[in-house]
mmCIF file of all heavy atoms, coordinates in Angstrom:
data_MODEL
# 
_entry.id   MODEL 
# 
loop_
_atom_site.group_PDB 
_atom_site.id 
_atom_site.type_symbol 
_atom_site.label_atom_id 
_atom_site.label_alt_id 
_atom_site.label_comp_id 
_atom_site.label_asym_id 
_atom_site.label_entity_id 
_atom_site.label_seq_id 
_atom_site.pdbx_PDB_ins_code 
_atom_site.Cartn_x 
_atom_site.Cartn_y 
_atom_site.Cartn_z 
_atom_site.occupancy 
_atom_site.B_iso_or_equiv 
_atom_site.pdbx_formal_charge 
_atom_site.auth_seq_id 
_atom_site.auth_comp_id 
_atom_site.auth_asym_id 
_atom_site.auth_atom_id 
_atom_site.pdbx_PDB_model_num 
ATOM 1   N N   . GLY A 1 1  ? 111.627 103.898 88.237  1.00 0.00 ? 1  GLY A N   1 
ATOM 2   C CA  . GLY A 1 1  ? 110.351 103.981 88.919  1.00 0.00 ? 1  GLY A CA  1 
ATOM 3   C C   . GLY A 1 1  ? 110.102 105.403 89.372  1.00 0.00 ? 1  GLY A C   1 
ATOM 4   O O   . GLY A 1 1  ? 111.018 106.223 89.414  1.00 0.00 ? 1  GLY A O   1 
ATOM 5   N N   . ASN A 1 2  ? 108.831 105.697 89.710  1.00 0.00 ? 2  ASN A N   1 
ATOM 6   C CA  . ASN A 1 2  ? 108.506 107.055 90.138  1.00 0.00 ? 2  ASN A CA  1 
ATOM 7   C C   . ASN A 1 2  ? 107.989 107.122 91.570  1.00 0.00 ? 2  ASN A C   1 
ATOM 8   O O   . ASN A 1 2  ? 107.630 108.185 92.048  1.00 0.00 ? 2  ASN A O   1 
ATOM 9   C CB  . ASN A 1 2  ? 107.488 107.686 89.177  1.00 0.00 ? 2  ASN A CB  1 
ATOM 10  C CG  . ASN A 1 2  ? 106.227 106.866 89.048  1.00 0.00 ? 2  ASN A CG  1 
ATOM 11  O OD1 . ASN A 1 2  ? 105.921 106.045 89.903  1.00 0.00 ? 2  ASN A OD1 1 
ATOM 12  N ND2 . ASN A 1 2  ? 105.495 107.083 87.976  1.00 0.00 ? 2  ASN A ND2 1 
ATOM 13  N N   . GLY A 1 3  ? 107.916 105.988 92.252  1.00 0.00 ? 3  GLY A N   1 
ATOM 14  C CA  . GLY A 1 3  ? 107.466 105.990 93.634  1.00 0.00 ? 3  GLY A CA  1 
ATOM 15  C C   . GLY A 1 3  ? 105.966 106.126 93.807  1.00 0.00 ? 3  GLY A C   1 
ATOM 16  O O   . GLY A 1 3  ? 105.503 106.553 94.862  1.00 0.00 ? 3  GLY A O   1 
ATOM 17  N N   . LEU A 1 4  ? 105.192 105.749 92.797  1.00 0.00 ? 4  LEU A N   1 
ATOM 18  C CA  . LEU A 1 4  ? 103.737 105.849 92.898  1.00 0.00 ? 4  LEU A CA  1 
ATOM 19  C C   . LEU A 1 4  ? 103.028 104.506 92.987  1.00 0.00 ? 4  LEU A C   1 
ATOM 20  O O   . LEU A 1 4  ? 101.879 104.434 93.407  1.00 0.00 ? 4  LEU A O   1 
ATOM 21  C CB  . LEU A 1 4  ? 103.170 106.633 91.707  1.00 0.00 ? 4  LEU A CB  1 
ATOM 22  C CG  . LEU A 1 4  ? 103.465 108.123 91.717  1.00 0.00 ? 4  LEU A CG  1 
ATOM 23  C CD1 . LEU A 1 4  ? 102.964 108.773 90.438  1.00 0.00 ? 4  LEU A CD1 1 
ATOM 24  C CD2 . LEU A 1 4  ? 102.853 108.789 92.928  1.00 0.00 ? 4  LEU A CD2 1 
ATOM 25  N N   . GLY A 1 5  ? 103.671 103.422 92.586  1.00 0.00 ? 5  GLY A N   1 
ATOM 26  C CA  . GLY A 1 5  ? 103.027 102.113 92.527  1.00 0.00 ? 5  GLY A CA  1 
ATOM 27  C C   . GLY A 1 5  ? 102.407 101.673 93.841  1.00 0.00 ? 5  GLY A C   1 
ATOM 28  O O   . GLY A 1 5  ? 101.247 101.267 93.896  1.00 0.00 ? 5  GLY A O   1 
ATOM 29  N N   . LEU A 1 6  ? 103.152 101.764 94.925  1.00 0.00 ? 6  LEU A N   1 
ATOM 30  C CA  . LEU A 1 6  ? 102.621 101.318 96.218  1.00 0.00 ? 6  LEU A CA  1 
ATOM 31  C C   . LEU A 1 6  ? 101.604 102.301 96.791  1.00 0.00 ? 6  LEU A C   1 
ATOM 32  O O   . LEU A 1 6  ? 100.722 101.909 97.561  1.00 0.00 ? 6  LEU A O   1 
ATOM 33  C CB  . LEU A 1 6  ? 103.750 101.064 97.206  1.00 0.00 ? 6  LEU A CB  1 
ATOM 34  C CG  . LEU A 1 6  ? 104.614 99.837  96.882  1.00 0.00 ? 6  LEU A CG  1 
ATOM 35  C CD1 . LEU A 1 6  ? 105.738 99.680  97.897  1.00 0.00 ? 6  LEU A CD1 1 
ATOM 36  C CD2 . LEU A 1 6  ? 103.775 98.569  96.816  1.00 0.00 ? 6  LEU A CD2 1 
ATOM 37  N N   . THR A 1 7  ? 101.673 103.568 96.385  1.00 0.00 ? 7  THR A N   1 
ATOM 38  C CA  . THR A 1 7  ? 100.644 104.536 96.770  1.00 0.00 ? 7  THR A CA  1 
ATOM 39  C C   . THR A 1 7  ? 99.315  104.141 96.125  1.00 0.00 ? 7  THR A C   1 
ATOM 40  O O   . THR A 1 7  ? 98.261  104.178 96.768  1.00 0.00 ? 7  THR A O   1 
ATOM 41  C CB  . THR A 1 7  ? 101.055 105.956 96.333  1.00 0.00 ? 7  THR A CB  1 
ATOM 42  O OG1 . THR A 1 7  ? 102.316 106.262 96.905  1.00 0.00 ? 7  THR A OG1 1 
ATOM 43  C CG2 . THR A 1 7  ? 100.033 106.984 96.768  1.00 0.00 ? 7  THR A CG2 1 
ATOM 44  N N   . ILE A 1 8  ? 99.363  103.739 94.866  1.00 0.00 ? 8  ILE A N   1 
ATOM 45  C CA  . ILE A 1 8  ? 98.171  103.276 94.155  1.00 0.00 ? 8  ILE A CA  1 
ATOM 46  C C   . ILE A 1 8  ? 97.636  102.007 94.807  1.00 0.00 ? 8  ILE A C   1 
ATOM 47  O O   . ILE A 1 8  ? 96.425  101.849 94.991  1.00 0.00 ? 8  ILE A O   1 
ATOM 48  C CB  . ILE A 1 8  ? 98.484  103.056 92.664  1.00 0.00 ? 8  ILE A CB  1 
ATOM 49  C CG1 . ILE A 1 8  ? 98.780  104.392 91.998  1.00 0.00 ? 8  ILE A CG1 1 
ATOM 50  C CG2 . ILE A 1 8  ? 97.352  102.316 91.955  1.00 0.00 ? 8  ILE A CG2 1 
ATOM 51  C CD1 . ILE A 1 8  ? 99.378  104.289 90.611  1.00 0.00 ? 8  ILE A CD1 1 
ATOM 52  N N   . VAL A 1 9  ? 98.519  101.094 95.178  1.00 0.00 ? 9  VAL A N   1 
ATOM 53  C CA  . VAL A 1 9  ? 98.116  99.861  95.858  1.00 0.00 ? 9  VAL A CA  1 
ATOM 54  C C   . VAL A 1 9  ? 97.356  100.194 97.137  1.00 0.00 ? 9  VAL A C   1 
ATOM 55  O O   . VAL A 1 9  ? 96.260  99.687  97.388  1.00 0.00 ? 9  VAL A O   1 
ATOM 56  C CB  . VAL A 1 9  ? 99.339  98.966  96.171  1.00 0.00 ? 9  VAL A CB  1 
ATOM 57  C CG1 . VAL A 1 9  ? 98.985  97.856  97.151  1.00 0.00 ? 9  VAL A CG1 1 
ATOM 58  C CG2 . VAL A 1 9  ? 99.923  98.388  94.886  1.00 0.00 ? 9  VAL A CG2 1 
ATOM 59  N N   . LYS A 1 10 ? 97.913  101.064 97.961  1.00 0.00 ? 10 LYS A N   1 
ATOM 60  C CA  . LYS A 1 10 ? 97.305  101.407 99.255  1.00 0.00 ? 10 LYS A CA  1 
ATOM 61  C C   . LYS A 1 10 ? 95.964  102.107 99.070  1.00 0.00 ? 10 LYS A C   1 
ATOM 62  O O   . LYS A 1 10 ? 94.985  101.805 99.768  1.00 0.00 ? 10 LYS A O   1 
ATOM 63  C CB  . LYS A 1 10 ? 98.277  102.282 100.066 1.00 0.00 ? 10 LYS A CB  1 
ATOM 64  C CG  . LYS A 1 10 ? 97.764  102.664 101.433 1.00 0.00 ? 10 LYS A CG  1 
ATOM 65  C CD  . LYS A 1 10 ? 97.733  101.478 102.370 1.00 0.00 ? 10 LYS A CD  1 
ATOM 66  C CE  . LYS A 1 10 ? 97.462  101.912 103.789 1.00 0.00 ? 10 LYS A CE  1 
ATOM 67  N NZ  . LYS A 1 10 ? 96.176  101.476 104.294 1.00 0.00 ? 10 LYS A NZ  1 
ATOM 68  N N   . THR A 1 11 ? 95.882  103.039 98.132  1.00 0.00 ? 11 THR A N   1 
ATOM 69  C CA  . THR A 1 11 ? 94.623  103.747 97.872  1.00 0.00 ? 11 THR A CA  1 
ATOM 70  C C   . THR A 1 11 ? 93.542  102.768 97.436  1.00 0.00 ? 11 THR A C   1 
ATOM 71  O O   . THR A 1 11 ? 92.402  102.821 97.916  1.00 0.00 ? 11 THR A O   1 
ATOM 72  C CB  . THR A 1 11 ? 94.831  104.834 96.801  1.00 0.00 ? 11 THR A CB  1 
ATOM 73  O OG1 . THR A 1 11 ? 95.825  105.755 97.267  1.00 0.00 ? 11 THR A OG1 1 
ATOM 74  C CG2 . THR A 1 11 ? 93.544  105.570 96.493  1.00 0.00 ? 11 THR A CG2 1 
ATOM 75  N N   . SER A 1 12 ? 93.887  101.860 96.536  1.00 0.00 ? 12 SER A N   1 
ATOM 76  C CA  . SER A 1 12 ? 92.929  100.863 96.049  1.00 0.00 ? 12 SER A CA  1 
ATOM 77  C C   . SER A 1 12 ? 92.487  99.937  97.176  1.00 0.00 ? 12 SER A C   1 
ATOM 78  O O   . SER A 1 12 ? 91.299  99.611  97.294  1.00 0.00 ? 12 SER A O   1 
ATOM 79  C CB  . SER A 1 12 ? 93.547  100.050 94.903  1.00 0.00 ? 12 SER A CB  1 
ATOM 80  O OG  . SER A 1 12 ? 93.857  100.901 93.815  1.00 0.00 ? 12 SER A OG  1 
ATOM 81  N N   . LEU A 1 13 ? 93.425  99.522  98.003  1.00 0.00 ? 13 LEU A N   1 
ATOM 82  C CA  . LEU A 1 13 ? 93.093  98.662  99.143  1.00 0.00 ? 13 LEU A CA  1 
ATOM 83  C C   . LEU A 1 13 ? 92.158  99.362  100.125 1.00 0.00 ? 13 LEU A C   1 
ATOM 84  O O   . LEU A 1 13 ? 91.203  98.758  100.625 1.00 0.00 ? 13 LEU A O   1 
ATOM 85  C CB  . LEU A 1 13 ? 94.357  98.217  99.868  1.00 0.00 ? 13 LEU A CB  1 
ATOM 86  C CG  . LEU A 1 13 ? 95.078  97.030  99.284  1.00 0.00 ? 13 LEU A CG  1 
ATOM 87  C CD1 . LEU A 1 13 ? 96.444  96.853  99.922  1.00 0.00 ? 13 LEU A CD1 1 
ATOM 88  C CD2 . LEU A 1 13 ? 94.253  95.779  99.446  1.00 0.00 ? 13 LEU A CD2 1 
ATOM 89  N N   . ASP A 1 14 ? 92.425  100.618 100.393 1.00 0.00 ? 14 ASP A N   1 
ATOM 90  C CA  . ASP A 1 14 ? 91.566  101.372 101.310 1.00 0.00 ? 14 ASP A CA  1 
ATOM 91  C C   . ASP A 1 14 ? 90.138  101.431 100.773 1.00 0.00 ? 14 ASP A C   1 
ATOM 92  O O   . ASP A 1 14 ? 89.178  101.268 101.528 1.00 0.00 ? 14 ASP A O   1 
ATOM 93  C CB  . ASP A 1 14 ? 92.117  102.783 101.525 1.00 0.00 ? 14 ASP A CB  1 
ATOM 94  C CG  . ASP A 1 14 ? 93.386  102.801 102.367 1.00 0.00 ? 14 ASP A CG  1 
ATOM 95  O OD1 . ASP A 1 14 ? 93.711  101.775 103.011 1.00 0.00 ? 14 ASP A OD1 1 
ATOM 96  O OD2 . ASP A 1 14 ? 94.066  103.851 102.384 1.00 0.00 ? 14 ASP A OD2 1 
ATOM 97  N N   . LEU A 1 15 ? 89.978  101.659 99.477  1.00 0.00 ? 15 LEU A N   1 
ATOM 98  C CA  . LEU A 1 15 ? 88.650  101.724 98.870  1.00 0.00 ? 15 LEU A CA  1 
ATOM 99  C C   . LEU A 1 15 ? 87.918  100.386 98.959  1.00 0.00 ? 15 LEU A C   1 
ATOM 100 O O   . LEU A 1 15 ? 86.700  100.338 99.075  1.00 0.00 ? 15 LEU A O   1 
ATOM 101 C CB  . LEU A 1 15 ? 88.748  102.163 97.411  1.00 0.00 ? 15 LEU A CB  1 
ATOM 102 C CG  . LEU A 1 15 ? 89.048  103.639 97.184  1.00 0.00 ? 15 LEU A CG  1 
ATOM 103 C CD1 . LEU A 1 15 ? 89.416  103.893 95.723  1.00 0.00 ? 15 LEU A CD1 1 
ATOM 104 C CD2 . LEU A 1 15 ? 87.863  104.494 97.597  1.00 0.00 ? 15 LEU A CD2 1 
ATOM 105 N N   . MET A 1 16 ? 88.678  99.289  98.908  1.00 0.00 ? 16 MET A N   1 
ATOM 106 C CA  . MET A 1 16 ? 88.075  97.952  98.935  1.00 0.00 ? 16 MET A CA  1 
ATOM 107 C C   . MET A 1 16 ? 87.947  97.394  100.354 1.00 0.00 ? 16 MET A C   1 
ATOM 108 O O   . MET A 1 16 ? 87.448  96.290  100.538 1.00 0.00 ? 16 MET A O   1 
ATOM 109 C CB  . MET A 1 16 ? 88.894  96.990  98.066  1.00 0.00 ? 16 MET A CB  1 
ATOM 110 C CG  . MET A 1 16 ? 88.880  97.356  96.598  1.00 0.00 ? 16 MET A CG  1 
ATOM 111 S SD  . MET A 1 16 ? 89.909  96.260  95.603  1.00 0.00 ? 16 MET A SD  1 
ATOM 112 C CE  . MET A 1 16 ? 88.838  94.821  95.485  1.00 0.00 ? 16 MET A CE  1 
ATOM 113 N N   . GLY A 1 17 ? 88.417  98.138  101.346 1.00 0.00 ? 17 GLY A N   1 
ATOM 114 C CA  . GLY A 1 17 ? 88.330  97.673  102.732 1.00 0.00 ? 17 GLY A CA  1 
ATOM 115 C C   . GLY A 1 17 ? 89.354  96.605  103.062 1.00 0.00 ? 17 GLY A C   1 
ATOM 116 O O   . GLY A 1 17 ? 89.155  95.807  103.979 1.00 0.00 ? 17 GLY A O   1 
ATOM 117 N N   . GLY A 1 18 ? 90.476  96.600  102.340 1.00 0.00 ? 18 GLY A N   1 
ATOM 118 C CA  . GLY A 1 18 ? 91.514  95.601  102.560 1.00 0.00 ? 18 GLY A CA  1 
ATOM 119 C C   . GLY A 1 18 ? 92.711  96.156  103.295 1.00 0.00 ? 18 GLY A C   1 
ATOM 120 O O   . GLY A 1 18 ? 92.741  97.323  103.681 1.00 0.00 ? 18 GLY A O   1 
ATOM 121 N N   . ASN A 1 19 ? 93.700  95.293  103.491 1.00 0.00 ? 19 ASN A N   1 
ATOM 122 C CA  . ASN A 1 19 ? 94.935  95.726  104.135 1.00 0.00 ? 19 ASN A CA  1 
ATOM 123 C C   . ASN A 1 19 ? 96.115  94.997  103.526 1.00 0.00 ? 19 ASN A C   1 
ATOM 124 O O   . ASN A 1 19 ? 95.958  94.021  102.800 1.00 0.00 ? 19 ASN A O   1 
ATOM 125 C CB  . ASN A 1 19 ? 94.857  95.546  105.654 1.00 0.00 ? 19 ASN A CB  1 
ATOM 126 C CG  . ASN A 1 19 ? 94.695  94.095  106.044 1.00 0.00 ? 19 ASN A CG  1 
ATOM 127 O OD1 . ASN A 1 19 ? 95.527  93.260  105.721 1.00 0.00 ? 19 ASN A OD1 1 
ATOM 128 N ND2 . ASN A 1 19 ? 93.619  93.777  106.747 1.00 0.00 ? 19 ASN A ND2 1 
ATOM 129 N N   . ILE A 1 20 ? 97.299  95.496  103.842 1.00 0.00 ? 20 ILE A N   1 
ATOM 130 C CA  . ILE A 1 20 ? 98.531  94.928  103.310 1.00 0.00 ? 20 ILE A CA  1 
ATOM 131 C C   . ILE A 1 20 ? 99.569  94.866  104.418 1.00 0.00 ? 20 ILE A C   1 
ATOM 132 O O   . ILE A 1 20 ? 99.639  95.760  105.269 1.00 0.00 ? 20 ILE A O   1 
ATOM 133 C CB  . ILE A 1 20 ? 99.047  95.756  102.109 1.00 0.00 ? 20 ILE A CB  1 
ATOM 134 C CG1 . ILE A 1 20 ? 100.239 95.073  101.424 1.00 0.00 ? 20 ILE A CG1 1 
ATOM 135 C CG2 . ILE A 1 20 ? 99.367  97.187  102.516 1.00 0.00 ? 20 ILE A CG2 1 
ATOM 136 C CD1 . ILE A 1 20 ? 100.594 95.671  100.070 1.00 0.00 ? 20 ILE A CD1 1 
ATOM 137 N N   . THR A 1 21 ? 100.350 93.780  104.424 1.00 0.00 ? 21 THR A N   1 
ATOM 138 C CA  . THR A 1 21 ? 101.487 93.662  105.336 1.00 0.00 ? 21 THR A CA  1 
ATOM 139 C C   . THR A 1 21 ? 102.727 93.352  104.512 1.00 0.00 ? 21 THR A C   1 
ATOM 140 O O   . THR A 1 21 ? 102.636 92.778  103.424 1.00 0.00 ? 21 THR A O   1 
ATOM 141 C CB  . THR A 1 21 ? 101.272 92.565  106.398 1.00 0.00 ? 21 THR A CB  1 
ATOM 142 O OG1 . THR A 1 21 ? 101.033 91.323  105.744 1.00 0.00 ? 21 THR A OG1 1 
ATOM 143 C CG2 . THR A 1 21 ? 100.106 92.905  107.313 1.00 0.00 ? 21 THR A CG2 1 
ATOM 144 N N   . ILE A 1 22 ? 103.863 93.723  105.051 1.00 0.00 ? 22 ILE A N   1 
ATOM 145 C CA  . ILE A 1 22 ? 105.133 93.531  104.355 1.00 0.00 ? 22 ILE A CA  1 
ATOM 146 C C   . ILE A 1 22 ? 106.103 92.859  105.308 1.00 0.00 ? 22 ILE A C   1 
ATOM 147 O O   . ILE A 1 22 ? 106.260 93.283  106.453 1.00 0.00 ? 22 ILE A O   1 
ATOM 148 C CB  . ILE A 1 22 ? 105.732 94.873  103.901 1.00 0.00 ? 22 ILE A CB  1 
ATOM 149 C CG1 . ILE A 1 22 ? 104.729 95.638  103.038 1.00 0.00 ? 22 ILE A CG1 1 
ATOM 150 C CG2 . ILE A 1 22 ? 107.037 94.665  103.154 1.00 0.00 ? 22 ILE A CG2 1 
ATOM 151 C CD1 . ILE A 1 22 ? 105.014 97.108  102.957 1.00 0.00 ? 22 ILE A CD1 1 
ATOM 152 N N   . ASP A 1 23 ? 106.755 91.827  104.803 1.00 0.00 ? 23 ASP A N   1 
ATOM 153 C CA  . ASP A 1 23 ? 107.824 91.167  105.542 1.00 0.00 ? 23 ASP A CA  1 
ATOM 154 C C   . ASP A 1 23 ? 109.028 91.169  104.618 1.00 0.00 ? 23 ASP A C   1 
ATOM 155 O O   . ASP A 1 23 ? 108.972 90.595  103.528 1.00 0.00 ? 23 ASP A O   1 
ATOM 156 C CB  . ASP A 1 23 ? 107.431 89.736  105.915 1.00 0.00 ? 23 ASP A CB  1 
ATOM 157 C CG  . ASP A 1 23 ? 108.524 89.032  106.702 1.00 0.00 ? 23 ASP A CG  1 
ATOM 158 O OD1 . ASP A 1 23 ? 109.332 89.713  107.370 1.00 0.00 ? 23 ASP A OD1 1 
ATOM 159 O OD2 . ASP A 1 23 ? 108.576 87.786  106.635 1.00 0.00 ? 23 ASP A OD2 1 
ATOM 160 N N   . SER A 1 24 ? 110.090 91.857  105.015 1.00 0.00 ? 24 SER A N   1 
ATOM 161 C CA  . SER A 1 24 ? 111.252 91.970  104.140 1.00 0.00 ? 24 SER A CA  1 
ATOM 162 C C   . SER A 1 24 ? 112.538 91.771  104.921 1.00 0.00 ? 24 SER A C   1 
ATOM 163 O O   . SER A 1 24 ? 112.725 92.357  105.992 1.00 0.00 ? 24 SER A O   1 
ATOM 164 C CB  . SER A 1 24 ? 111.272 93.344  103.459 1.00 0.00 ? 24 SER A CB  1 
ATOM 165 O OG  . SER A 1 24 ? 112.332 93.417  102.538 1.00 0.00 ? 24 SER A OG  1 
ATOM 166 N N   . GLN A 1 25 ? 113.389 90.948  104.368 1.00 0.00 ? 25 GLN A N   1 
ATOM 167 C CA  . GLN A 1 25 ? 114.721 90.729  104.907 1.00 0.00 ? 25 GLN A CA  1 
ATOM 168 C C   . GLN A 1 25 ? 115.711 91.323  103.909 1.00 0.00 ? 25 GLN A C   1 
ATOM 169 O O   . GLN A 1 25 ? 115.715 90.933  102.743 1.00 0.00 ? 25 GLN A O   1 
ATOM 170 C CB  . GLN A 1 25 ? 115.009 89.234  105.086 1.00 0.00 ? 25 GLN A CB  1 
ATOM 171 C CG  . GLN A 1 25 ? 113.965 88.502  105.924 1.00 0.00 ? 25 GLN A CG  1 
ATOM 172 C CD  . GLN A 1 25 ? 113.828 89.074  107.314 1.00 0.00 ? 25 GLN A CD  1 
ATOM 173 O OE1 . GLN A 1 25 ? 114.818 89.359  107.974 1.00 0.00 ? 25 GLN A OE1 1 
ATOM 174 N NE2 . GLN A 1 25 ? 112.593 89.249  107.755 1.00 0.00 ? 25 GLN A NE2 1 
ATOM 175 N N   . VAL A 1 26 ? 116.515 92.271  104.343 1.00 0.00 ? 26 VAL A N   1 
ATOM 176 C CA  . VAL A 1 26 ? 117.461 92.927  103.446 1.00 0.00 ? 26 VAL A CA  1 
ATOM 177 C C   . VAL A 1 26 ? 118.384 91.881  102.826 1.00 0.00 ? 26 VAL A C   1 
ATOM 178 O O   . VAL A 1 26 ? 118.944 91.030  103.520 1.00 0.00 ? 26 VAL A O   1 
ATOM 179 C CB  . VAL A 1 26 ? 118.276 94.010  104.190 1.00 0.00 ? 26 VAL A CB  1 
ATOM 180 C CG1 . VAL A 1 26 ? 119.339 94.609  103.275 1.00 0.00 ? 26 VAL A CG1 1 
ATOM 181 C CG2 . VAL A 1 26 ? 117.343 95.095  104.706 1.00 0.00 ? 26 VAL A CG2 1 
ATOM 182 N N   . GLY A 1 27 ? 118.478 91.927  101.492 1.00 0.00 ? 27 GLY A N   1 
ATOM 183 C CA  . GLY A 1 27 ? 119.329 91.004  100.757 1.00 0.00 ? 27 GLY A CA  1 
ATOM 184 C C   . GLY A 1 27 ? 118.734 89.630  100.574 1.00 0.00 ? 27 GLY A C   1 
ATOM 185 O O   . GLY A 1 27 ? 119.430 88.696  100.166 1.00 0.00 ? 27 GLY A O   1 
ATOM 186 N N   . ASP A 1 28 ? 117.447 89.469  100.853 1.00 0.00 ? 28 ASP A N   1 
ATOM 187 C CA  . ASP A 1 28 ? 116.855 88.139  100.791 1.00 0.00 ? 28 ASP A CA  1 
ATOM 188 C C   . ASP A 1 28 ? 115.443 88.197  100.206 1.00 0.00 ? 28 ASP A C   1 
ATOM 189 O O   . ASP A 1 28 ? 115.259 88.607  99.078  1.00 0.00 ? 28 ASP A O   1 
ATOM 190 C CB  . ASP A 1 28 ? 116.860 87.518  102.192 1.00 0.00 ? 28 ASP A CB  1 
ATOM 191 C CG  . ASP A 1 28 ? 116.635 86.013  102.184 1.00 0.00 ? 28 ASP A CG  1 
ATOM 192 O OD1 . ASP A 1 28 ? 116.648 85.403  101.104 1.00 0.00 ? 28 ASP A OD1 1 
ATOM 193 O OD2 . ASP A 1 28 ? 116.439 85.453  103.267 1.00 0.00 ? 28 ASP A OD2 1 
ATOM 194 N N   . ILE A 1 29 ? 114.464 87.817  100.974 1.00 0.00 ? 29 ILE A N   1 
ATOM 195 C CA  . ILE A 1 29 ? 113.096 87.669  100.481 1.00 0.00 ? 29 ILE A CA  1 
ATOM 196 C C   . ILE A 1 29 ? 112.202 88.793  101.008 1.00 0.00 ? 29 ILE A C   1 
ATOM 197 O O   . ILE A 1 29 ? 112.279 89.160  102.181 1.00 0.00 ? 29 ILE A O   1 
ATOM 198 C CB  . ILE A 1 29 ? 112.529 86.304  100.900 1.00 0.00 ? 29 ILE A CB  1 
ATOM 199 C CG1 . ILE A 1 29 ? 113.306 85.195  100.185 1.00 0.00 ? 29 ILE A CG1 1 
ATOM 200 C CG2 . ILE A 1 29 ? 111.039 86.198  100.593 1.00 0.00 ? 29 ILE A CG2 1 
ATOM 201 C CD1 . ILE A 1 29 ? 112.941 83.795  100.617 1.00 0.00 ? 29 ILE A CD1 1 
# 
């Protein structure tokens, strides 16, 4: 990977007036 995928996600969301949340448990879901 190059570390750009989530940057693209955030930029696109900002343009559409959306938001994103992340819930992550290390070693799980």
